[in-house]
PDB file of N, CA and C in Angstrom:
ATOM      1  N   UNK A   1       7.316 -63.601 -18.646  1.00  0.00           N
ATOM      2  CA  UNK A   1       7.028 -62.056 -18.111  1.00  0.00           C
ATOM      3  C   UNK A   1       6.227 -61.548 -19.491  1.00  0.00           C
ATOM      4  N   UNK A   2       5.781 -60.567 -18.839  1.00  0.00           N
ATOM      5  CA  UNK A   2       4.701 -59.761 -19.432  1.00  0.00           C
ATOM      6  C   UNK A   2       5.160 -58.154 -19.780  1.00  0.00           C
ATOM      7  N   UNK A   3       5.050 -57.900 -20.819  1.00  0.00           N
ATOM      8  CA  UNK A   3       5.742 -56.299 -21.372  1.00  0.00           C
ATOM      9  C   UNK A   3       4.967 -55.237 -20.683  1.00  0.00           C
ATOM     10  N   UNK A   4       3.714 -55.582 -20.155  1.00  0.00           N
ATOM     11  CA  UNK A   4       3.225 -54.411 -20.292  1.00  0.00           C
ATOM     12  C   UNK A   4       2.092 -53.481 -21.056  1.00  0.00           C
ATOM     13  N   UNK A   5       1.740 -52.750 -20.738  1.00  0.00           N
ATOM     14  CA  UNK A   5       0.784 -52.269 -21.899  1.00  0.00           C
ATOM     15  C   UNK A   5       1.364 -50.954 -22.746  1.00  0.00           C
ATOM     16  N   UNK A   6       1.440 -51.192 -23.822  1.00  0.00           N
ATOM     17  CA  UNK A   6       2.473 -50.409 -24.732  1.00  0.00           C
ATOM     18  C   UNK A   6       1.575 -49.098 -24.971  1.00  0.00           C
ATOM     19  N   UNK A   7       1.775 -47.694 -25.066  1.00  0.00           N
ATOM     20  CA  UNK A   7       1.170 -46.460 -25.239  1.00  0.00           C
ATOM     21  C   UNK A   7       1.780 -46.105 -26.612  1.00  0.00           C
ATOM     22  N   UNK A   8       0.478 -46.202 -27.767  1.00  0.00           N
ATOM     23  CA  UNK A   8       1.303 -45.868 -28.612  1.00  0.00           C
ATOM     24  C   UNK A   8       1.244 -43.933 -28.868  1.00  0.00           C
ATOM     25  N   UNK A   9       2.133 -43.363 -29.950  1.00  0.00           N
ATOM     26  CA  UNK A   9       2.552 -42.591 -29.825  1.00  0.00           C
ATOM     27  C   UNK A   9       1.419 -41.338 -30.036  1.00  0.00           C
ATOM     28  N   UNK A  10       0.174 -41.795 -30.552  1.00  0.00           N
ATOM     29  CA  UNK A  10      -1.058 -41.165 -30.990  1.00  0.00           C
ATOM     30  C   UNK A  10      -1.805 -40.671 -29.522  1.00  0.00           C
ATOM     31  N   UNK A  11      -1.432 -41.744 -29.108  1.00  0.00           N
ATOM     32  CA  UNK A  11      -2.149 -41.432 -27.520  1.00  0.00           C
ATOM     33  C   UNK A  11      -1.553 -40.518 -26.540  1.00  0.00           C
ATOM     34  N   UNK A  12      -0.079 -40.456 -27.054  1.00  0.00           N
ATOM     35  CA  UNK A  12       0.610 -39.475 -25.962  1.00  0.00           C
ATOM     36  C   UNK A  12       0.531 -38.213 -26.865  1.00  0.00           C
ATOM     37  N   UNK A  13       0.531 -37.998 -27.980  1.00  0.00           N
ATOM     38  CA  UNK A  13       0.115 -36.863 -28.430  1.00  0.00           C
ATOM     39  C   UNK A  13      -1.248 -36.286 -28.336  1.00  0.00           C
ATOM     40  N   UNK A  14      -1.800 -36.954 -28.069  1.00  0.00           N
ATOM     41  CA  UNK A  14      -3.464 -36.385 -27.605  1.00  0.00           C
ATOM     42  C   UNK A  14      -3.486 -35.980 -26.079  1.00  0.00           C
ATOM     43  N   UNK A  15      -2.914 -36.818 -25.266  1.00  0.00           N
ATOM     44  CA  UNK A  15      -2.701 -36.404 -24.319  1.00  0.00           C
ATOM     45  C   UNK A  15      -1.987 -34.793 -24.126  1.00  0.00           C
ATOM     46  N   UNK A  16      -0.592 -34.948 -24.508  1.00  0.00           N
ATOM     47  CA  UNK A  16       0.103 -33.994 -24.874  1.00  0.00           C
ATOM     48  C   UNK A  16      -0.271 -32.287 -24.964  1.00  0.00           C
ATOM     49  N   UNK A  17      -1.281 -32.839 -25.854  1.00  0.00           N
ATOM     50  CA  UNK A  17      -2.497 -31.588 -26.714  1.00  0.00           C
ATOM     51  C   UNK A  17      -3.490 -31.025 -25.473  1.00  0.00           C
ATOM     52  N   UNK A  18      -4.017 -32.286 -25.303  1.00  0.00           N
ATOM     53  CA  UNK A  18      -5.410 -31.747 -24.160  1.00  0.00           C
ATOM     54  C   UNK A  18      -4.419 -30.796 -22.774  1.00  0.00           C
ATOM     55  N   UNK A  19      -3.535 -31.238 -22.292  1.00  0.00           N
ATOM     56  CA  UNK A  19      -2.534 -30.573 -21.198  1.00  0.00           C
ATOM     57  C   UNK A  19      -2.054 -29.551 -21.936  1.00  0.00           C
ATOM     58  N   UNK A  20      -1.815 -29.138 -22.908  1.00  0.00           N
ATOM     59  CA  UNK A  20      -1.725 -27.781 -23.574  1.00  0.00           C
ATOM     60  C   UNK A  20      -3.016 -26.914 -23.696  1.00  0.00           C
ATOM     61  N   UNK A  21      -3.967 -27.302 -24.203  1.00  0.00           N
ATOM     62  CA  UNK A  21      -5.117 -26.723 -24.549  1.00  0.00           C
ATOM     63  C   UNK A  21      -5.509 -26.261 -22.970  1.00  0.00           C
ATOM     64  N   UNK A  22      -5.533 -27.214 -21.892  1.00  0.00           N
ATOM     65  CA  UNK A  22      -5.917 -26.843 -20.552  1.00  0.00           C
ATOM     66  C   UNK A  22      -4.602 -25.483 -20.065  1.00  0.00           C
ATOM     67  N   UNK A  23      -3.625 -25.957 -20.257  1.00  0.00           N
ATOM     68  CA  UNK A  23      -2.743 -24.634 -19.890  1.00  0.00           C
ATOM     69  C   UNK A  23      -3.180 -23.524 -20.520  1.00  0.00           C
ATOM     70  N   UNK A  24      -3.539 -23.184 -21.564  1.00  0.00           N
ATOM     71  CA  UNK A  24      -3.316 -21.985 -22.284  1.00  0.00           C
ATOM     72  C   UNK A  24      -5.158 -21.772 -21.910  1.00  0.00           C
ATOM     73  N   UNK A  25      -5.926 -22.509 -21.895  1.00  0.00           N
ATOM     74  CA  UNK A  25      -7.204 -21.967 -21.156  1.00  0.00           C
ATOM     75  C   UNK A  25      -6.745 -21.371 -19.787  1.00  0.00           C
ATOM     76  N   UNK A  26      -6.139 -21.949 -18.854  1.00  0.00           N
ATOM     77  CA  UNK A  26      -5.828 -21.346 -17.621  1.00  0.00           C
ATOM     78  C   UNK A  26      -5.393 -20.232 -17.789  1.00  0.00           C
ATOM     79  N   UNK A  27      -4.349 -19.794 -18.714  1.00  0.00           N
ATOM     80  CA  UNK A  27      -3.915 -18.644 -18.765  1.00  0.00           C
ATOM     81  C   UNK A  27      -4.602 -17.292 -19.352  1.00  0.00           C
ATOM     82  N   UNK A  28      -5.310 -17.477 -19.994  1.00  0.00           N
ATOM     83  CA  UNK A  28      -6.392 -16.726 -20.946  1.00  0.00           C
ATOM     84  C   UNK A  28      -7.467 -16.446 -19.628  1.00  0.00           C
ATOM     85  N   UNK A  29      -7.806 -17.214 -18.967  1.00  0.00           N
ATOM     86  CA  UNK A  29      -8.630 -16.996 -17.301  1.00  0.00           C
ATOM     87  C   UNK A  29      -8.002 -15.926 -16.728  1.00  0.00           C
ATOM     88  N   UNK A  30      -6.725 -16.367 -16.513  1.00  0.00           N
ATOM     89  CA  UNK A  30      -6.410 -15.610 -15.525  1.00  0.00           C
ATOM     90  C   UNK A  30      -5.840 -13.990 -16.048  1.00  0.00           C
ATOM     91  N   UNK A  31      -5.608 -13.732 -17.445  1.00  0.00           N
ATOM     92  CA  UNK A  31      -5.709 -12.610 -18.057  1.00  0.00           C
ATOM     93  C   UNK A  31      -6.565 -11.668 -17.559  1.00  0.00           C
ATOM     94  N   UNK A  32      -7.927 -12.598 -17.733  1.00  0.00           N
ATOM     95  CA  UNK A  32      -9.519 -11.790 -17.706  1.00  0.00           C
ATOM     96  C   UNK A  32      -9.534 -11.473 -16.391  1.00  0.00           C
ATOM     97  N   UNK A  33      -9.094 -12.277 -15.484  1.00  0.00           N
ATOM     98  CA  UNK A  33      -9.614 -12.214 -13.686  1.00  0.00           C
ATOM     99  C   UNK A  33      -8.755 -10.692 -13.243  1.00  0.00           C
ATOM    100  N   UNK A  34      -9.710 -10.121 -13.026  1.00  0.00           N
ATOM    101  CA  UNK A  34      -8.912  -8.653 -12.000  1.00  0.00           C
ATOM    102  C   UNK A  34      -9.332  -7.429 -13.096  1.00  0.00           C
ATOM    103  N   UNK A  35      -9.217  -7.338 -14.480  1.00  0.00           N
ATOM    104  CA  UNK A  35      -9.076  -6.450 -15.156  1.00  0.00           C
ATOM    105  C   UNK A  35     -10.442  -5.538 -15.199  1.00  0.00           C
ATOM    106  N   UNK A  36     -11.694  -6.210 -14.522  1.00  0.00           N
ATOM    107  CA  UNK A  36     -12.733  -5.525 -14.209  1.00  0.00           C
ATOM    108  C   UNK A  36     -13.561  -4.855 -15.442  1.00  0.00           C
ATOM    109  N   UNK A  37     -14.798  -4.170 -15.379  1.00  0.00           N
ATOM    110  CA  UNK A  37     -14.991  -3.401 -16.003  1.00  0.00           C
ATOM    111  C   UNK A  37     -14.958  -2.023 -15.949  1.00  0.00           C
ATOM    112  N   UNK A  38     -14.279  -1.120 -16.654  1.00  0.00           N
ATOM    113  CA  UNK A  38     -13.956   0.455 -16.448  1.00  0.00           C
ATOM    114  C   UNK A  38     -15.422   0.965 -16.392  1.00  0.00           C
ATOM    115  N   UNK A  39     -15.255   1.748 -15.058  1.00  0.00           N
ATOM    116  CA  UNK A  39     -16.827   2.634 -14.841  1.00  0.00           C
ATOM    117  C   UNK A  39     -16.385   3.800 -15.218  1.00  0.00           C
ATOM    118  N   UNK A  40     -16.538   5.371 -15.516  1.00  0.00           N
ATOM    119  CA  UNK A  40     -16.071   6.395 -15.617  1.00  0.00           C
ATOM    120  C   UNK A  40     -17.104   7.004 -14.304  1.00  0.00           C
ATOM    121  N   UNK A  41     -15.837   7.643 -13.750  1.00  0.00           N
ATOM    122  CA  UNK A  41     -15.918   8.520 -12.290  1.00  0.00           C
ATOM    123  C   UNK A  41     -17.240   9.450 -12.662  1.00  0.00           C
ATOM    124  N   UNK A  42     -18.123   9.173 -11.430  1.00  0.00           N
ATOM    125  CA  UNK A  42     -19.299  10.325 -11.895  1.00  0.00           C
ATOM    126  C   UNK A  42     -18.802  11.281 -10.839  1.00  0.00           C
ATOM    127  N   UNK A  43     -19.322  12.874 -10.390  1.00  0.00           N
ATOM    128  CA  UNK A  43     -19.470  13.595  -9.452  1.00  0.00           C
ATOM    129  C   UNK A  43     -19.659  13.316  -8.310  1.00  0.00           C
ATOM    130  N   UNK A  44     -20.633  12.259  -7.659  1.00  0.00           N
ATOM    131  CA  UNK A  44     -20.686  11.530  -6.482  1.00  0.00           C
ATOM    132  C   UNK A  44     -19.763  10.752  -6.107  1.00  0.00           C
ATOM    133  N   UNK A  45     -19.432  10.083  -7.101  1.00  0.00           N
ATOM    134  CA  UNK A  45     -18.086   8.954  -6.989  1.00  0.00           C
ATOM    135  C   UNK A  45     -17.083   9.698  -6.233  1.00  0.00           C
ATOM    136  N   UNK A  46     -16.401  10.600  -7.254  1.00  0.00           N
ATOM    137  CA  UNK A  46     -15.440  11.790  -6.555  1.00  0.00           C
ATOM    138  C   UNK A  46     -15.633  12.411  -5.283  1.00  0.00           C
ATOM    139  N   UNK A  47     -16.708  12.499  -5.089  1.00  0.00           N
ATOM    140  CA  UNK A  47     -17.152  13.348  -3.700  1.00  0.00           C
ATOM    141  C   UNK A  47     -16.688  12.210  -2.580  1.00  0.00           C
ATOM    142  N   UNK A  48     -17.631  10.779  -2.673  1.00  0.00           N
ATOM    143  CA  UNK A  48     -17.323  10.115  -1.643  1.00  0.00           C
ATOM    144  C   UNK A  48     -15.814   9.719  -1.888  1.00  0.00           C
ATOM    145  N   UNK A  49     -15.152   9.821  -2.812  1.00  0.00           N
ATOM    146  CA  UNK A  49     -13.605   9.339  -2.882  1.00  0.00           C
ATOM    147  C   UNK A  49     -12.895  10.443  -1.504  1.00  0.00           C
ATOM    148  N   UNK A  50     -13.382  11.683  -2.332  1.00  0.00           N
ATOM    149  CA  UNK A  50     -12.812  13.196  -1.370  1.00  0.00           C
ATOM    150  C   UNK A  50     -13.134  12.887   0.368  1.00  0.00           C
ATOM    151  N   UNK A  51     -14.284  12.817   0.201  1.00  0.00           N
ATOM    152  CA  UNK A  51     -14.825  12.363   1.746  1.00  0.00           C
ATOM    153  C   UNK A  51     -14.080  11.203   2.605  1.00  0.00           C
ATOM    154  N   UNK A  52     -13.580  10.190   1.888  1.00  0.00           N
ATOM    155  CA  UNK A  52     -13.124   9.019   2.441  1.00  0.00           C
ATOM    156  C   UNK A  52     -11.590   9.378   2.424  1.00  0.00           C
ATOM    157  N   UNK A  53     -11.228  10.197   1.821  1.00  0.00           N
ATOM    158  CA  UNK A  53      -9.308  10.593   2.063  1.00  0.00           C
ATOM    159  C   UNK A  53      -9.390  11.569   3.439  1.00  0.00           C
ATOM    160  N   UNK A  54     -10.328  12.493   3.407  1.00  0.00           N
ATOM    161  CA  UNK A  54     -10.603  13.436   4.297  1.00  0.00           C
ATOM    162  C   UNK A  54     -10.866  13.048   5.804  1.00  0.00           C
ATOM    163  N   UNK A  55     -11.742  11.766   5.853  1.00  0.00           N
ATOM    164  CA  UNK A  55     -11.845  11.223   6.974  1.00  0.00           C
ATOM    165  C   UNK A  55     -10.725  10.358   7.825  1.00  0.00           C
ATOM    166  N   UNK A  56      -9.874   9.555   6.542  1.00  0.00           N
ATOM    167  CA  UNK A  56      -9.178   9.075   6.861  1.00  0.00           C
ATOM    168  C   UNK A  56      -7.986   9.773   7.394  1.00  0.00           C
ATOM    169  N   UNK A  57      -7.542  11.261   6.837  1.00  0.00           N
ATOM    170  CA  UNK A  57      -6.554  12.003   7.561  1.00  0.00           C
ATOM    171  C   UNK A  57      -7.028  12.625   8.697  1.00  0.00           C
ATOM    172  N   UNK A  58      -7.938  12.739   8.826  1.00  0.00           N
ATOM    173  CA  UNK A  58      -8.963  12.900  10.528  1.00  0.00           C
ATOM    174  C   UNK A  58      -8.062  11.929  11.221  1.00  0.00           C
ATOM    175  N   UNK A  59      -8.886  10.723  10.883  1.00  0.00           N
ATOM    176  CA  UNK A  59      -8.262   9.645  12.020  1.00  0.00           C
ATOM    177  C   UNK A  59      -6.679   9.687  12.343  1.00  0.00           C
ATOM    178  N   UNK A  60      -6.008   9.584  10.919  1.00  0.00           N
ATOM    179  CA  UNK A  60      -4.971   9.605  10.842  1.00  0.00           C
ATOM    180  C   UNK A  60      -3.924  10.938  12.319  1.00  0.00           C
ATOM    181  N   UNK A  61      -4.473  11.889  11.794  1.00  0.00           N
ATOM    182  CA  UNK A  61      -4.055  12.991  12.502  1.00  0.00           C
ATOM    183  C   UNK A  61      -4.431  13.030  13.956  1.00  0.00           C
ATOM    184  N   UNK A  62      -5.258  12.404  14.412  1.00  0.00           N
ATOM    185  CA  UNK A  62      -5.977  12.197  15.357  1.00  0.00           C
ATOM    186  C   UNK A  62      -5.098  11.106  16.484  1.00  0.00           C
ATOM    187  N   UNK A  63      -4.726  10.386  15.625  1.00  0.00           N
ATOM    188  CA  UNK A  63      -3.718   9.134  16.508  1.00  0.00           C
ATOM    189  C   UNK A  63      -2.274   9.586  16.559  1.00  0.00           C
ATOM    190  N   UNK A  64      -1.958  10.749  15.888  1.00  0.00           N
ATOM    191  CA  UNK A  64      -0.670  11.551  15.905  1.00  0.00           C
ATOM    192  C   UNK A  64      -0.503  12.833  16.818  1.00  0.00           C
ATOM    193  N   UNK A  65      -1.786  13.151  17.434  1.00  0.00           N
ATOM    194  CA  UNK A  65      -1.591  14.344  18.491  1.00  0.00           C
ATOM    195  C   UNK A  65      -0.720  13.943  19.754  1.00  0.00           C
ATOM    196  N   UNK A  66       0.048  14.503  19.582  1.00  0.00           N
ATOM    197  CA  UNK A  66       1.263  15.001  20.956  1.00  0.00           C
ATOM    198  C   UNK A  66       0.444  15.292  22.382  1.00  0.00           C
ATOM    199  N   UNK A  67       1.179  14.325  23.498  1.00  0.00           N
ATOM    200  CA  UNK A  67       0.884  14.810  24.586  1.00  0.00           C
ATOM    201  C   UNK A  67       1.675  15.750  25.044  1.00  0.00           C
ATOM    202  N   UNK A  68       1.370  16.700  25.799  1.00  0.00           N
ATOM    203  CA  UNK A  68       2.189  17.258  26.823  1.00  0.00           C
ATOM    204  C   UNK A  68       2.863  16.885  27.652  1.00  0.00           C
ATOM    205  N   UNK A  69       4.317  16.817  28.291  1.00  0.00           N
ATOM    206  CA  UNK A  69       4.796  16.702  29.368  1.00  0.00           C
ATOM    207  C   UNK A  69       4.944  17.847  30.442  1.00  0.00           C
ATOM    208  N   UNK A  70       4.392  18.657  30.086  1.00  0.00           N
ATOM    209  CA  UNK A  70       4.072  19.650  31.121  1.00  0.00           C
ATOM    210  C   UNK A  70       5.714  20.624  31.181  1.00  0.00           C
ATOM    211  N   UNK A  71       5.663  21.404  32.000  1.00  0.00           N
ATOM    212  CA  UNK A  71       7.101  22.313  32.180  1.00  0.00           C
ATOM    213  C   UNK A  71       8.173  21.549  33.585  1.00  0.00           C
ATOM    214  N   UNK A  72       9.034  20.862  32.892  1.00  0.00           N
ATOM    215  CA  UNK A  72       9.806  20.607  33.890  1.00  0.00           C
ATOM    216  C   UNK A  72      11.021  21.355  34.328  1.00  0.00           C
ATOM    217  N   UNK A  73      11.448  21.174  35.204  1.00  0.00           N
ATOM    218  CA  UNK A  73      12.811  22.197  35.535  1.00  0.00           C
ATOM    219  C   UNK A  73      13.918  21.980  34.474  1.00  0.00           C
ATOM    220  N   UNK A  74      14.108  21.092  33.958  1.00  0.00           N
ATOM    221  CA  UNK A  74      15.031  20.771  32.714  1.00  0.00           C
ATOM    222  C   UNK A  74      14.632  21.705  31.401  1.00  0.00           C
ATOM    223  N   UNK A  75      13.295  21.662  31.035  1.00  0.00           N
ATOM    224  CA  UNK A  75      12.753  22.552  30.009  1.00  0.00           C
ATOM    225  C   UNK A  75      12.978  23.755  30.372  1.00  0.00           C
ATOM    226  N   UNK A  76      12.554  24.281  31.180  1.00  0.00           N
ATOM    227  CA  UNK A  76      12.336  25.651  31.767  1.00  0.00           C
ATOM    228  C   UNK A  76      13.754  26.291  31.667  1.00  0.00           C
ATOM    229  N   UNK A  77      14.860  25.439  32.124  1.00  0.00           N
ATOM    230  CA  UNK A  77      16.484  26.096  32.076  1.00  0.00           C
ATOM    231  C   UNK A  77      16.715  26.212  30.354  1.00  0.00           C
ATOM    232  N   UNK A  78      16.593  25.320  29.866  1.00  0.00           N
ATOM    233  CA  UNK A  78      16.716  25.343  28.050  1.00  0.00           C
ATOM    234  C   UNK A  78      15.540  26.591  27.764  1.00  0.00           C
ATOM    235  N   UNK A  79      14.874  26.608  27.987  1.00  0.00           N
ATOM    236  CA  UNK A  79      14.000  28.094  27.556  1.00  0.00           C
ATOM    237  C   UNK A  79      14.537  28.909  27.636  1.00  0.00           C
ATOM    238  N   UNK A  80      15.366  28.713  28.896  1.00  0.00           N
ATOM    239  CA  UNK A  80      16.066  30.402  29.857  1.00  0.00           C
ATOM    240  C   UNK A  80      17.443  30.471  28.672  1.00  0.00           C
ATOM    241  N   UNK A  81      17.951  29.558  28.545  1.00  0.00           N
ATOM    242  CA  UNK A  81      18.805  29.501  27.735  1.00  0.00           C
ATOM    243  C   UNK A  81      18.916  30.236  26.382  1.00  0.00           C
ATOM    244  N   UNK A  82      18.161  29.731  25.827  1.00  0.00           N
ATOM    245  CA  UNK A  82      17.145  29.935  24.597  1.00  0.00           C
ATOM    246  C   UNK A  82      17.242  31.208  24.829  1.00  0.00           C
ATOM    247  N   UNK A  83      16.596  31.925  25.451  1.00  0.00           N
ATOM    248  CA  UNK A  83      16.237  33.277  25.462  1.00  0.00           C
ATOM    249  C   UNK A  83      17.393  34.390  25.881  1.00  0.00           C
ATOM    250  N   UNK A  84      18.326  33.431  26.471  1.00  0.00           N
ATOM    251  CA  UNK A  84      19.851  34.517  26.969  1.00  0.00           C
ATOM    252  C   UNK A  84      20.738  34.750  25.744  1.00  0.00           C
ATOM    253  N   UNK A  85      20.718  33.459  24.801  1.00  0.00           N
ATOM    254  CA  UNK A  85      20.963  33.357  23.620  1.00  0.00           C
ATOM    255  C   UNK A  85      20.813  34.005  22.629  1.00  0.00           C
ATOM    256  N   UNK A  86      19.427  34.579  22.255  1.00  0.00           N
ATOM    257  CA  UNK A  86      18.720  35.064  21.598  1.00  0.00           C
ATOM    258  C   UNK A  86      18.640  36.286  21.777  1.00  0.00           C
ATOM    259  N   UNK A  87      18.967  37.010  23.224  1.00  0.00           N
ATOM    260  CA  UNK A  87      19.388  38.385  23.413  1.00  0.00           C
ATOM    261  C   UNK A  87      20.819  38.948  23.132  1.00  0.00           C
ATOM    262  N   UNK A  88      21.726  37.529  23.607  1.00  0.00           N
ATOM    263  CA  UNK A  88      23.079  37.889  23.445  1.00  0.00           C
ATOM    264  C   UNK A  88      23.125  38.404  21.758  1.00  0.00           C
ATOM    265  N   UNK A  89      22.453  37.190  21.097  1.00  0.00           N
ATOM    266  CA  UNK A  89      23.088  37.735  19.582  1.00  0.00           C
ATOM    267  C   UNK A  89      22.249  39.239  19.022  1.00  0.00           C
ATOM    268  N   UNK A  90      20.898  39.672  20.013  1.00  0.00           N
ATOM    269  CA  UNK A  90      20.663  40.535  19.443  1.00  0.00           C
ATOM    270  C   UNK A  90      21.440  41.997  19.747  1.00  0.00           C
ATOM    271  N   UNK A  91      21.972  41.592  20.727  1.00  0.00           N
ATOM    272  CA  UNK A  91      22.522  42.908  21.272  1.00  0.00           C
ATOM    273  C   UNK A  91      24.091  42.931  20.955  1.00  0.00           C
ATOM    274  N   UNK A  92      24.314  42.134  20.224  1.00  0.00           N
ATOM    275  CA  UNK A  92      25.941  41.685  19.750  1.00  0.00           C
ATOM    276  C   UNK A  92      27.071  41.291  20.262  1.00  0.00           C
ATOM    277  N   UNK A  93      26.449  40.997  21.717  1.00  0.00           N
ATOM    278  CA  UNK A  93      27.504  40.179  22.511  1.00  0.00           C
ATOM    279  C   UNK A  93      28.313  38.775  21.549  1.00  0.00           C
ATOM    280  N   UNK A  94      27.505  37.960  21.072  1.00  0.00           N
ATOM    281  CA  UNK A  94      27.831  36.957  20.451  1.00  0.00           C
ATOM    282  C   UNK A  94      28.389  37.520  18.911  1.00  0.00           C
TER     283      UNK A  94
END
């Protein structure tokens, strides 16, 4: 029976070193990705940013506009009760 191929310790050490180098290279690459180059903010950039925020707020507020349900008998009754309570508290009945 054959013993198969024997791998020397030197070959294993080279493979381990190669793998460690690849991993280190990947870590260094990932550290650099996304950091970008810093750019000083100019007056125009500030103006554009402010305009974008304002446009965003206008669109957001348009989406939140409430719709009127009109005057229902129930709402009219509640309004009249609130007026009566307010008038009574001002007169001193309550």
